[in-house]
Amino acid sequence: MTLFAGILLLVNAFFNVIVWPQFWRRVTADPRARDESGKKTKFYTVHAVLISIALIIAVASAVAGIAVLVS
């Protein structure tokens, strides 16, 4: 069961590192990301925070997965 948990944590980390940067490119290209004067909107800010949190969780999952597999 421990092996499964470690692998699952690493798969989660890998998935997040692959998916969220791709989504970030789409968010920055979205017309809702900036207003008429080129200033960043709440749409941009909210997505930046959400993606940052997801990537932090990915790092934590990778660290936890490695720790579980090594122990």
C-alpha atoms as a PDB file:
ATOM      1  CA  MET A   1       0.000   0.000   0.000  1.00  0.00           C
ATOM      2  CA  THR A   2       2.883   2.367   0.746  1.00  0.00           C
ATOM      3  CA  LEU A   3       4.325   1.811  -2.710  1.00  0.00           C
ATOM      4  CA  PHE A   4       0.949   2.645  -4.254  1.00  0.00           C
ATOM      5  CA  ALA A   5       0.682   5.857  -2.193  1.00  0.00           C
ATOM      6  CA  GLY A   6       4.168   6.994  -3.199  1.00  0.00           C
ATOM      7  CA  ILE A   7       3.541   6.322  -6.878  1.00  0.00           C
ATOM      8  CA  LEU A   8       0.148   8.048  -6.719  1.00  0.00           C
ATOM      9  CA  LEU A   9       1.721  11.159  -5.178  1.00  0.00           C
ATOM     10  CA  LEU A  10       4.365  11.260  -7.914  1.00  0.00           C
ATOM     11  CA  VAL A  11       1.776  10.784 -10.663  1.00  0.00           C
ATOM     12  CA  ASN A  12      -0.242  13.648  -9.157  1.00  0.00           C
ATOM     13  CA  ALA A  13       2.830  15.892  -9.125  1.00  0.00           C
ATOM     14  CA  PHE A  14       3.726  14.988 -12.706  1.00  0.00           C
ATOM     15  CA  PHE A  15       0.159  15.615 -13.913  1.00  0.00           C
ATOM     16  CA  ASN A  16       0.012  19.047 -12.268  1.00  0.00           C
ATOM     17  CA  VAL A  17       3.396  20.110 -13.620  1.00  0.00           C
ATOM     18  CA  ILE A  18       2.321  19.129 -17.142  1.00  0.00           C
ATOM     19  CA  VAL A  19      -1.236  20.515 -17.134  1.00  0.00           C
ATOM     20  CA  TRP A  20      -1.119  23.839 -15.280  1.00  0.00           C
ATOM     21  CA  PRO A  21       1.619  25.600 -17.298  1.00  0.00           C
ATOM     22  CA  GLN A  22      -0.336  24.761 -20.473  1.00  0.00           C
ATOM     23  CA  PHE A  23      -3.453  26.263 -18.933  1.00  0.00           C
ATOM     24  CA  TRP A  24      -1.469  29.351 -17.868  1.00  0.00           C
ATOM     25  CA  ARG A  25      -0.569  30.047 -21.515  1.00  0.00           C
ATOM     26  CA  ARG A  26      -4.259  29.984 -22.397  1.00  0.00           C
ATOM     27  CA  VAL A  27      -5.143  32.298 -19.507  1.00  0.00           C
ATOM     28  CA  THR A  28      -2.528  34.886 -20.489  1.00  0.00           C
ATOM     29  CA  ALA A  29      -3.748  34.825 -24.093  1.00  0.00           C
ATOM     30  CA  ASP A  30      -7.388  35.221 -23.065  1.00  0.00           C
ATOM     31  CA  PRO A  31      -8.843  38.685 -23.798  1.00  0.00           C
ATOM     32  CA  ARG A  32     -10.378  38.738 -20.298  1.00  0.00           C
ATOM     33  CA  ALA A  33      -6.881  38.711 -18.753  1.00  0.00           C
ATOM     34  CA  ARG A  34      -6.288  42.402 -19.521  1.00  0.00           C
ATOM     35  CA  ASP A  35      -8.522  45.421 -19.770  1.00  0.00           C
ATOM     36  CA  GLU A  36      -8.569  48.013 -22.562  1.00  0.00           C
ATOM     37  CA  SER A  37      -5.524  49.806 -21.170  1.00  0.00           C
ATOM     38  CA  GLY A  38      -3.518  46.572 -20.875  1.00  0.00           C
ATOM     39  CA  LYS A  39      -3.831  46.337 -17.109  1.00  0.00           C
ATOM     40  CA  LYS A  40      -4.202  42.870 -15.552  1.00  0.00           C
ATOM     41  CA  THR A  41      -7.754  42.009 -14.509  1.00  0.00           C
ATOM     42  CA  LYS A  42      -9.167  39.986 -11.626  1.00  0.00           C
ATOM     43  CA  PHE A  43      -9.557  37.102 -14.089  1.00  0.00           C
ATOM     44  CA  TYR A  44      -5.783  37.090 -14.527  1.00  0.00           C
ATOM     45  CA  THR A  45      -5.056  37.461 -10.808  1.00  0.00           C
ATOM     46  CA  VAL A  46      -7.454  34.724  -9.699  1.00  0.00           C
ATOM     47  CA  HIS A  47      -6.043  32.266 -12.214  1.00  0.00           C
ATOM     48  CA  ALA A  48      -2.471  33.184 -11.280  1.00  0.00           C
ATOM     49  CA  VAL A  49      -3.226  32.410  -7.628  1.00  0.00           C
ATOM     50  CA  LEU A  50      -5.024  29.147  -8.426  1.00  0.00           C
ATOM     51  CA  ILE A  51      -2.260  27.913 -10.712  1.00  0.00           C
ATOM     52  CA  SER A  52       0.416  28.909  -8.182  1.00  0.00           C
ATOM     53  CA  ILE A  53      -1.347  26.943  -5.451  1.00  0.00           C
ATOM     54  CA  ALA A  54      -1.710  23.937  -7.750  1.00  0.00           C
ATOM     55  CA  LEU A  55       2.018  23.993  -8.532  1.00  0.00           C
ATOM     56  CA  ILE A  56       2.920  24.331  -4.845  1.00  0.00           C
ATOM     57  CA  ILE A  57       0.740  21.295  -4.130  1.00  0.00           C
ATOM     58  CA  ALA A  58       2.529  19.480  -6.969  1.00  0.00           C
ATOM     59  CA  VAL A  59       5.895  20.158  -5.351  1.00  0.00           C
ATOM     60  CA  ALA A  60       4.567  18.999  -1.976  1.00  0.00           C
ATOM     61  CA  SER A  61       3.190  15.842  -3.602  1.00  0.00           C
ATOM     62  CA  ALA A  62       6.515  15.114  -5.262  1.00  0.00           C
ATOM     63  CA  VAL A  63       8.414  15.587  -1.995  1.00  0.00           C
ATOM     64  CA  ALA A  64       5.911  13.435  -0.097  1.00  0.00           C
ATOM     65  CA  GLY A  65       5.958  10.764  -2.806  1.00  0.00           C
ATOM     66  CA  ILE A  66       9.734  10.543  -2.748  1.00  0.00           C
ATOM     67  CA  ALA A  67       9.736  10.482   1.059  1.00  0.00           C
ATOM     68  CA  VAL A  68       7.205   7.653   1.098  1.00  0.00           C
ATOM     69  CA  LEU A  69       9.134   5.628  -1.471  1.00  0.00           C
ATOM     70  CA  VAL A  70      12.502   6.136   0.218  1.00  0.00           C
ATOM     71  CA  SER A  71      11.283   5.211   3.718  1.00  0.00           C
END
